[in-house]
Amino acid sequence: MKKPIDNYFTTGELAKLCKIPRKTLLYYDSLGLITPEVIEENGYRYYKRTQLFALELILTMRKLDIPLAEIKTYLSNKSYTNYRNIMSDREIFLEELLEKIIKTKNELHHSLLILNQLENIKFNDVLTIRTDNEFLCLSKPVSPKMNFKDRTKISASLWLCCR
């Protein structure tokens, strides 16, 4: 027996309600994340109201960059505990990412400060810069006859030791 579709949403209607491209909904269907309640002989797909909420959950998890495979695993084993664990793991991940971004931003800012100071340097002048967290790194004497690769290794080792 055919289900009445008056209270169902078409793929386009559901996509529009959730402000996503229709193709995204079809892609989620192809992955088995959300499948239509009704597929008519002509291929038209229809979703019921509860599937709107399921789609909103999927989209919320995607906003947090939770991989689709992880979302699919959760959807096949929904529970409060599993959801809380996913969200807790995501919070930890984002905190670590934020720390990494802040560290990178600070390093970039420091590099820009140095670049701004270098802009005013004239060759054969001595430049004195006072900073709170700078280190002087010395190497063994470098022979002018040393090849470029070996000189680069020495300078790189000094740069890495100060990080």
N, C-alpha and C. Protein backbone atom coordinates (compact mmCIF):
# COMPACT_ATOMS: atom_id res chain seq x y z
N MET A 1 0.83 -1.18 0.00
CA MET A 1 0.00 0.00 0.00
C MET A 1 0.88 1.25 0.00
N LYS A 2 0.51 2.20 -0.78
CA LYS A 2 1.25 3.43 -0.94
C LYS A 2 0.95 4.38 0.22
N LYS A 3 2.00 5.00 0.79
CA LYS A 3 1.82 5.96 1.88
C LYS A 3 1.39 7.30 1.33
N PRO A 4 0.48 8.00 2.03
CA PRO A 4 0.12 9.36 1.59
C PRO A 4 1.31 10.29 1.85
N ILE A 5 1.64 11.12 0.89
CA ILE A 5 2.84 11.95 1.01
C ILE A 5 2.54 13.42 1.32
N ASP A 6 1.30 13.71 1.66
CA ASP A 6 0.91 15.10 1.93
C ASP A 6 1.74 15.74 3.04
N ASN A 7 2.07 14.97 4.05
CA ASN A 7 2.81 15.51 5.20
C ASN A 7 4.31 15.23 5.13
N TYR A 8 4.78 14.87 3.97
CA TYR A 8 6.20 14.58 3.78
C TYR A 8 6.87 15.73 3.04
N PHE A 9 8.18 15.79 3.19
CA PHE A 9 8.98 16.82 2.50
C PHE A 9 9.70 16.19 1.32
N THR A 10 9.73 16.91 0.21
CA THR A 10 10.54 16.45 -0.92
C THR A 10 12.00 16.73 -0.58
N THR A 11 12.89 16.19 -1.36
CA THR A 11 14.32 16.44 -1.16
C THR A 11 14.61 17.94 -1.19
N GLY A 12 14.05 18.62 -2.18
CA GLY A 12 14.26 20.06 -2.30
C GLY A 12 13.71 20.84 -1.12
N GLU A 13 12.52 20.46 -0.66
CA GLU A 13 11.91 21.16 0.48
C GLU A 13 12.74 20.98 1.75
N LEU A 14 13.17 19.75 1.99
CA LEU A 14 13.96 19.48 3.19
C LEU A 14 15.30 20.20 3.12
N ALA A 15 15.92 20.18 1.96
CA ALA A 15 17.20 20.87 1.78
C ALA A 15 17.03 22.37 2.02
N LYS A 16 15.94 22.92 1.50
CA LYS A 16 15.68 24.35 1.66
C LYS A 16 15.44 24.69 3.14
N LEU A 17 14.70 23.86 3.85
CA LEU A 17 14.45 24.09 5.27
C LEU A 17 15.76 24.14 6.07
N CYS A 18 16.70 23.29 5.68
CA CYS A 18 17.97 23.20 6.40
C CYS A 18 19.06 24.07 5.79
N LYS A 19 18.71 24.79 4.73
CA LYS A 19 19.64 25.71 4.07
C LYS A 19 20.91 24.99 3.60
N ILE A 20 20.70 23.88 2.93
CA ILE A 20 21.82 23.14 2.34
C ILE A 20 21.48 22.86 0.88
N PRO A 21 22.49 22.60 0.07
CA PRO A 21 22.21 22.22 -1.32
C PRO A 21 21.48 20.87 -1.37
N ARG A 22 20.62 20.74 -2.31
CA ARG A 22 19.88 19.48 -2.52
C ARG A 22 20.86 18.31 -2.71
N LYS A 23 21.96 18.58 -3.40
CA LYS A 23 22.97 17.54 -3.65
C LYS A 23 23.59 17.02 -2.35
N THR A 24 23.69 17.88 -1.34
CA THR A 24 24.23 17.45 -0.05
C THR A 24 23.31 16.40 0.56
N LEU A 25 22.02 16.64 0.51
CA LEU A 25 21.05 15.69 1.05
C LEU A 25 21.11 14.37 0.27
N LEU A 26 21.22 14.46 -1.03
CA LEU A 26 21.34 13.24 -1.85
C LEU A 26 22.64 12.49 -1.53
N TYR A 27 23.70 13.25 -1.28
CA TYR A 27 24.98 12.62 -0.91
C TYR A 27 24.86 11.91 0.43
N TYR A 28 24.24 12.56 1.40
CA TYR A 28 24.04 11.91 2.70
C TYR A 28 23.20 10.65 2.55
N ASP A 29 22.23 10.69 1.65
CA ASP A 29 21.42 9.51 1.37
C ASP A 29 22.30 8.40 0.79
N SER A 30 23.17 8.75 -0.15
CA SER A 30 24.03 7.74 -0.77
C SER A 30 24.98 7.10 0.24
N LEU A 31 25.32 7.85 1.30
CA LEU A 31 26.20 7.31 2.35
C LEU A 31 25.42 6.53 3.41
N GLY A 32 24.11 6.62 3.36
CA GLY A 32 23.28 5.93 4.34
C GLY A 32 23.11 6.69 5.64
N LEU A 33 23.42 8.00 5.63
CA LEU A 33 23.25 8.80 6.84
C LEU A 33 21.78 9.12 7.09
N ILE A 34 21.07 9.43 6.03
CA ILE A 34 19.65 9.74 6.13
C ILE A 34 19.00 9.29 4.83
N THR A 35 18.09 8.36 4.95
CA THR A 35 17.42 7.84 3.76
C THR A 35 15.95 8.24 3.78
N PRO A 36 15.40 8.49 2.62
CA PRO A 36 14.00 8.92 2.58
C PRO A 36 13.07 7.85 3.13
N GLU A 37 12.01 8.30 3.71
CA GLU A 37 10.98 7.39 4.20
C GLU A 37 10.25 6.73 3.02
N VAL A 38 10.05 7.50 1.97
CA VAL A 38 9.33 7.02 0.80
C VAL A 38 10.13 7.35 -0.45
N ILE A 39 10.27 6.36 -1.32
CA ILE A 39 10.82 6.60 -2.65
C ILE A 39 9.79 6.06 -3.63
N GLU A 40 9.24 6.97 -4.41
CA GLU A 40 8.20 6.56 -5.36
C GLU A 40 8.83 5.92 -6.60
N GLU A 41 8.00 5.30 -7.39
CA GLU A 41 8.46 4.62 -8.60
C GLU A 41 9.19 5.57 -9.54
N ASN A 42 8.79 6.83 -9.54
CA ASN A 42 9.43 7.81 -10.42
C ASN A 42 10.76 8.33 -9.85
N GLY A 43 11.16 7.81 -8.67
CA GLY A 43 12.42 8.21 -8.05
C GLY A 43 12.32 9.38 -7.08
N TYR A 44 11.14 9.97 -6.98
CA TYR A 44 10.97 11.09 -6.05
C TYR A 44 11.13 10.57 -4.62
N ARG A 45 11.83 11.35 -3.83
CA ARG A 45 12.13 10.97 -2.46
C ARG A 45 11.34 11.86 -1.51
N TYR A 46 10.86 11.26 -0.44
CA TYR A 46 10.07 12.00 0.54
C TYR A 46 10.56 11.67 1.95
N TYR A 47 10.66 12.72 2.74
CA TYR A 47 11.18 12.60 4.10
C TYR A 47 10.10 13.00 5.09
N LYS A 48 10.05 12.31 6.22
CA LYS A 48 9.07 12.66 7.25
C LYS A 48 9.69 13.68 8.21
N ARG A 49 8.85 14.24 9.04
CA ARG A 49 9.25 15.32 9.95
C ARG A 49 10.41 14.93 10.86
N THR A 50 10.40 13.72 11.39
CA THR A 50 11.48 13.31 12.29
C THR A 50 12.83 13.28 11.57
N GLN A 51 12.79 13.10 10.26
CA GLN A 51 14.04 13.10 9.51
C GLN A 51 14.64 14.51 9.40
N LEU A 52 13.79 15.50 9.51
CA LEU A 52 14.28 16.88 9.57
C LEU A 52 15.19 17.04 10.78
N PHE A 53 14.75 16.51 11.92
CA PHE A 53 15.55 16.61 13.14
C PHE A 53 16.83 15.80 13.04
N ALA A 54 16.75 14.64 12.39
CA ALA A 54 17.96 13.83 12.18
C ALA A 54 18.95 14.59 11.30
N LEU A 55 18.44 15.24 10.26
CA LEU A 55 19.31 16.01 9.38
C LEU A 55 19.94 17.18 10.13
N GLU A 56 19.17 17.83 10.96
CA GLU A 56 19.72 18.93 11.76
C GLU A 56 20.84 18.44 12.67
N LEU A 57 20.69 17.26 13.24
CA LEU A 57 21.74 16.67 14.06
C LEU A 57 22.99 16.42 13.23
N ILE A 58 22.83 15.85 12.05
CA ILE A 58 23.96 15.59 11.15
C ILE A 58 24.67 16.91 10.82
N LEU A 59 23.89 17.94 10.50
CA LEU A 59 24.48 19.22 10.13
C LEU A 59 25.20 19.88 11.31
N THR A 60 24.66 19.72 12.50
CA THR A 60 25.33 20.24 13.70
C THR A 60 26.68 19.55 13.88
N MET A 61 26.69 18.25 13.71
CA MET A 61 27.94 17.50 13.86
C MET A 61 28.94 17.88 12.76
N ARG A 62 28.45 18.13 11.57
CA ARG A 62 29.33 18.54 10.46
C ARG A 62 29.92 19.93 10.72
N LYS A 63 29.14 20.82 11.34
CA LYS A 63 29.67 22.15 11.68
C LYS A 63 30.87 22.03 12.62
N LEU A 64 30.89 20.97 13.39
CA LEU A 64 32.01 20.71 14.30
C LEU A 64 33.10 19.89 13.62
N ASP A 65 32.98 19.71 12.31
CA ASP A 65 33.95 18.94 11.50
C ASP A 65 34.09 17.49 11.95
N ILE A 66 33.02 16.94 12.47
CA ILE A 66 33.03 15.53 12.82
C ILE A 66 32.94 14.75 11.50
N PRO A 67 33.85 13.82 11.28
CA PRO A 67 33.86 13.09 10.01
C PRO A 67 32.54 12.34 9.79
N LEU A 68 32.16 12.24 8.51
CA LEU A 68 30.91 11.57 8.16
C LEU A 68 30.87 10.13 8.64
N ALA A 69 32.00 9.44 8.58
CA ALA A 69 32.04 8.04 9.05
C ALA A 69 31.72 7.96 10.54
N GLU A 70 32.21 8.91 11.30
CA GLU A 70 31.93 8.93 12.75
C GLU A 70 30.46 9.25 13.01
N ILE A 71 29.91 10.14 12.21
CA ILE A 71 28.48 10.46 12.33
C ILE A 71 27.64 9.23 12.01
N LYS A 72 28.02 8.52 10.96
CA LYS A 72 27.28 7.32 10.58
C LYS A 72 27.34 6.27 11.70
N THR A 73 28.50 6.12 12.30
CA THR A 73 28.64 5.17 13.41
C THR A 73 27.73 5.57 14.56
N TYR A 74 27.71 6.88 14.87
CA TYR A 74 26.85 7.34 15.94
C TYR A 74 25.38 7.08 15.61
N LEU A 75 24.96 7.40 14.39
CA LEU A 75 23.56 7.25 14.01
C LEU A 75 23.09 5.80 14.09
N SER A 76 24.01 4.86 13.91
CA SER A 76 23.63 3.45 14.01
C SER A 76 23.64 2.96 15.46
N ASN A 77 24.13 3.81 16.38
CA ASN A 77 24.19 3.42 17.78
C ASN A 77 23.97 4.66 18.65
N LYS A 78 22.82 5.30 18.47
CA LYS A 78 22.52 6.54 19.19
C LYS A 78 22.30 6.27 20.67
N SER A 79 22.94 7.12 21.47
CA SER A 79 22.68 7.12 22.91
C SER A 79 23.21 8.43 23.47
N TYR A 80 22.71 8.78 24.60
CA TYR A 80 23.17 10.00 25.26
C TYR A 80 24.67 9.91 25.52
N THR A 81 25.12 8.77 26.00
CA THR A 81 26.54 8.58 26.33
C THR A 81 27.41 8.71 25.09
N ASN A 82 27.00 8.08 24.00
CA ASN A 82 27.79 8.17 22.77
C ASN A 82 27.85 9.60 22.25
N TYR A 83 26.74 10.30 22.31
CA TYR A 83 26.71 11.69 21.84
C TYR A 83 27.60 12.56 22.72
N ARG A 84 27.48 12.39 24.03
CA ARG A 84 28.32 13.16 24.96
C ARG A 84 29.79 12.88 24.71
N ASN A 85 30.15 11.62 24.45
CA ASN A 85 31.55 11.26 24.19
C ASN A 85 32.06 11.92 22.91
N ILE A 86 31.24 11.90 21.88
CA ILE A 86 31.64 12.54 20.62
C ILE A 86 31.86 14.03 20.83
N MET A 87 30.94 14.68 21.53
CA MET A 87 31.05 16.11 21.75
C MET A 87 32.23 16.44 22.67
N SER A 88 32.47 15.60 23.65
CA SER A 88 33.61 15.80 24.54
C SER A 88 34.93 15.65 23.78
N ASP A 89 35.01 14.62 22.95
CA ASP A 89 36.21 14.43 22.12
C ASP A 89 36.43 15.61 21.19
N ARG A 90 35.34 16.13 20.62
CA ARG A 90 35.44 17.25 19.69
C ARG A 90 35.91 18.50 20.42
N GLU A 91 35.43 18.69 21.67
CA GLU A 91 35.86 19.85 22.45
C GLU A 91 37.35 19.79 22.72
N ILE A 92 37.85 18.61 23.08
CA ILE A 92 39.29 18.44 23.31
C ILE A 92 40.07 18.72 22.03
N PHE A 93 39.59 18.17 20.91
CA PHE A 93 40.23 18.39 19.62
C PHE A 93 40.31 19.88 19.29
N LEU A 94 39.20 20.59 19.48
CA LEU A 94 39.16 22.02 19.16
C LEU A 94 40.04 22.84 20.09
N GLU A 95 40.12 22.45 21.35
CA GLU A 95 41.01 23.14 22.29
C GLU A 95 42.46 22.99 21.85
N GLU A 96 42.84 21.76 21.45
CA GLU A 96 44.21 21.53 20.98
C GLU A 96 44.47 22.30 19.70
N LEU A 97 43.50 22.32 18.81
CA LEU A 97 43.64 23.07 17.55
C LEU A 97 43.78 24.56 17.82
N LEU A 98 42.99 25.06 18.76
CA LEU A 98 43.05 26.47 19.12
C LEU A 98 44.43 26.83 19.69
N GLU A 99 44.95 25.99 20.57
CA GLU A 99 46.29 26.22 21.13
C GLU A 99 47.34 26.26 20.02
N LYS A 100 47.22 25.34 19.08
CA LYS A 100 48.17 25.28 17.96
C LYS A 100 48.05 26.54 17.11
N ILE A 101 46.85 26.98 16.84
CA ILE A 101 46.64 28.19 16.03
C ILE A 101 47.19 29.41 16.76
N ILE A 102 46.95 29.51 18.04
CA ILE A 102 47.46 30.66 18.82
C ILE A 102 48.98 30.66 18.81
N LYS A 103 49.58 29.49 18.98
CA LYS A 103 51.05 29.39 18.96
C LYS A 103 51.58 29.80 17.59
N THR A 104 50.95 29.33 16.53
CA THR A 104 51.38 29.68 15.18
C THR A 104 51.21 31.18 14.93
N LYS A 105 50.10 31.75 15.39
CA LYS A 105 49.86 33.18 15.24
C LYS A 105 50.92 33.99 15.98
N ASN A 106 51.27 33.56 17.19
CA ASN A 106 52.29 34.27 17.95
C ASN A 106 53.65 34.18 17.26
N GLU A 107 53.98 33.02 16.70
CA GLU A 107 55.24 32.88 15.97
C GLU A 107 55.25 33.78 14.74
N LEU A 108 54.12 33.84 14.05
CA LEU A 108 54.01 34.71 12.88
C LEU A 108 54.17 36.18 13.29
N HIS A 109 53.52 36.56 14.37
CA HIS A 109 53.63 37.93 14.86
C HIS A 109 55.08 38.27 15.20
N HIS A 110 55.75 37.36 15.85
CA HIS A 110 57.16 37.56 16.21
C HIS A 110 58.01 37.71 14.94
N SER A 111 57.75 36.88 13.95
CA SER A 111 58.48 36.97 12.68
C SER A 111 58.24 38.31 12.00
N LEU A 112 57.01 38.79 12.06
CA LEU A 112 56.71 40.09 11.46
C LEU A 112 57.43 41.22 12.18
N LEU A 113 57.52 41.13 13.50
CA LEU A 113 58.26 42.15 14.25
C LEU A 113 59.72 42.17 13.81
N ILE A 114 60.30 41.01 13.68
CA ILE A 114 61.70 40.93 13.25
C ILE A 114 61.85 41.46 11.83
N LEU A 115 60.92 41.09 10.95
CA LEU A 115 60.98 41.59 9.57
C LEU A 115 60.88 43.11 9.52
N ASN A 116 60.03 43.67 10.36
CA ASN A 116 59.90 45.13 10.40
C ASN A 116 61.20 45.79 10.85
N GLN A 117 61.91 45.15 11.78
CA GLN A 117 63.19 45.69 12.23
C GLN A 117 64.27 45.50 11.16
N LEU A 118 64.23 44.40 10.45
CA LEU A 118 65.23 44.14 9.42
C LEU A 118 65.12 45.13 8.26
N GLU A 119 63.95 45.66 8.06
CA GLU A 119 63.72 46.59 6.97
C GLU A 119 64.64 47.81 7.07
N ASN A 120 65.01 48.18 8.28
CA ASN A 120 65.82 49.39 8.50
C ASN A 120 67.31 49.10 8.63
N ILE A 121 67.71 47.86 8.47
CA ILE A 121 69.12 47.51 8.63
C ILE A 121 69.90 47.90 7.39
N LYS A 122 71.07 48.46 7.64
CA LYS A 122 72.00 48.74 6.56
C LYS A 122 73.13 47.71 6.68
N PHE A 123 73.61 47.24 5.56
CA PHE A 123 74.68 46.26 5.62
C PHE A 123 75.89 46.83 6.36
N ASN A 124 76.59 45.95 7.06
CA ASN A 124 77.79 46.27 7.84
C ASN A 124 77.48 47.09 9.08
N ASP A 125 76.22 47.27 9.44
CA ASP A 125 75.86 47.92 10.70
C ASP A 125 75.57 46.84 11.73
N VAL A 126 75.71 47.19 12.98
CA VAL A 126 75.39 46.28 14.07
C VAL A 126 74.01 46.65 14.57
N LEU A 127 73.19 45.63 14.75
CA LEU A 127 71.83 45.87 15.23
C LEU A 127 71.68 45.23 16.60
N THR A 128 71.20 46.00 17.54
CA THR A 128 70.94 45.47 18.87
C THR A 128 69.44 45.52 19.09
N ILE A 129 68.88 44.36 19.42
CA ILE A 129 67.44 44.27 19.66
C ILE A 129 67.25 43.69 21.05
N ARG A 130 66.46 44.35 21.85
CA ARG A 130 66.19 43.84 23.19
C ARG A 130 64.84 43.14 23.18
N THR A 131 64.84 41.87 23.55
CA THR A 131 63.59 41.12 23.67
C THR A 131 63.67 40.29 24.94
N ASP A 132 62.51 39.91 25.43
CA ASP A 132 62.47 39.15 26.68
C ASP A 132 62.78 37.66 26.47
N ASN A 133 62.45 37.14 25.33
CA ASN A 133 62.56 35.69 25.14
C ASN A 133 63.49 35.32 24.00
N GLU A 134 64.56 36.03 23.82
CA GLU A 134 65.49 35.72 22.75
C GLU A 134 66.72 35.05 23.34
N PHE A 135 67.36 34.24 22.52
CA PHE A 135 68.55 33.54 22.92
C PHE A 135 69.64 33.80 21.89
N LEU A 136 70.84 33.86 22.35
CA LEU A 136 71.98 33.97 21.45
C LEU A 136 72.50 32.56 21.24
N CYS A 137 72.57 32.16 20.00
CA CYS A 137 73.06 30.82 19.68
C CYS A 137 74.38 30.97 18.94
N LEU A 138 75.38 30.25 19.40
CA LEU A 138 76.70 30.29 18.77
C LEU A 138 77.01 28.94 18.16
N SER A 139 77.80 28.97 17.13
CA SER A 139 78.21 27.72 16.50
C SER A 139 79.72 27.64 16.49
N LYS A 140 80.23 26.50 16.10
CA LYS A 140 81.65 26.38 15.84
C LYS A 140 81.97 27.31 14.68
N PRO A 141 83.20 27.70 14.55
CA PRO A 141 83.53 28.56 13.40
C PRO A 141 83.14 27.88 12.09
N VAL A 142 82.61 28.68 11.19
CA VAL A 142 82.19 28.19 9.89
C VAL A 142 83.20 28.68 8.86
N SER A 143 83.80 27.74 8.20
CA SER A 143 84.81 28.08 7.20
C SER A 143 84.14 28.65 5.96
N PRO A 144 84.73 29.71 5.40
CA PRO A 144 84.17 30.25 4.15
C PRO A 144 84.21 29.25 3.01
N LYS A 145 85.05 28.23 3.15
CA LYS A 145 85.16 27.21 2.11
C LYS A 145 84.10 26.12 2.26
N MET A 146 83.38 26.14 3.39
CA MET A 146 82.36 25.12 3.63
C MET A 146 81.24 25.26 2.59
N ASN A 147 80.74 24.12 2.14
CA ASN A 147 79.68 24.19 1.11
C ASN A 147 78.36 24.68 1.71
N PHE A 148 77.51 25.12 0.82
CA PHE A 148 76.24 25.73 1.21
C PHE A 148 75.38 24.77 2.03
N LYS A 149 75.35 23.50 1.66
CA LYS A 149 74.51 22.52 2.35
C LYS A 149 74.96 22.37 3.80
N ASP A 150 76.26 22.28 4.04
CA ASP A 150 76.76 22.13 5.41
C ASP A 150 76.52 23.39 6.24
N ARG A 151 76.69 24.57 5.62
CA ARG A 151 76.41 25.82 6.35
C ARG A 151 74.92 25.89 6.71
N THR A 152 74.08 25.42 5.81
CA THR A 152 72.64 25.42 6.06
C THR A 152 72.29 24.49 7.21
N LYS A 153 72.93 23.32 7.26
CA LYS A 153 72.68 22.39 8.37
C LYS A 153 73.02 23.03 9.70
N ILE A 154 74.14 23.75 9.75
CA ILE A 154 74.54 24.40 11.01
C ILE A 154 73.53 25.47 11.39
N SER A 155 73.16 26.33 10.45
CA SER A 155 72.21 27.39 10.79
C SER A 155 70.85 26.82 11.17
N ALA A 156 70.43 25.75 10.50
CA ALA A 156 69.14 25.12 10.84
C ALA A 156 69.18 24.52 12.24
N SER A 157 70.31 23.91 12.60
CA SER A 157 70.40 23.30 13.94
C SER A 157 70.35 24.39 15.01
N LEU A 158 70.92 25.55 14.73
CA LEU A 158 70.84 26.65 15.69
C LEU A 158 69.43 27.17 15.81
N TRP A 159 68.76 27.27 14.69
CA TRP A 159 67.39 27.77 14.70
C TRP A 159 66.48 26.80 15.45
N LEU A 160 66.67 25.49 15.21
CA LEU A 160 65.83 24.49 15.86
C LEU A 160 66.10 24.39 17.35
N CYS A 161 67.33 24.63 17.76
CA CYS A 161 67.64 24.50 19.20
C CYS A 161 66.98 25.60 20.02
N CYS A 162 66.66 26.70 19.39
CA CYS A 162 66.09 27.83 20.12
C CYS A 162 64.57 27.81 20.15
N ARG A 163 63.95 26.84 19.56
CA ARG A 163 62.49 26.80 19.50
C ARG A 163 61.91 26.23 20.74
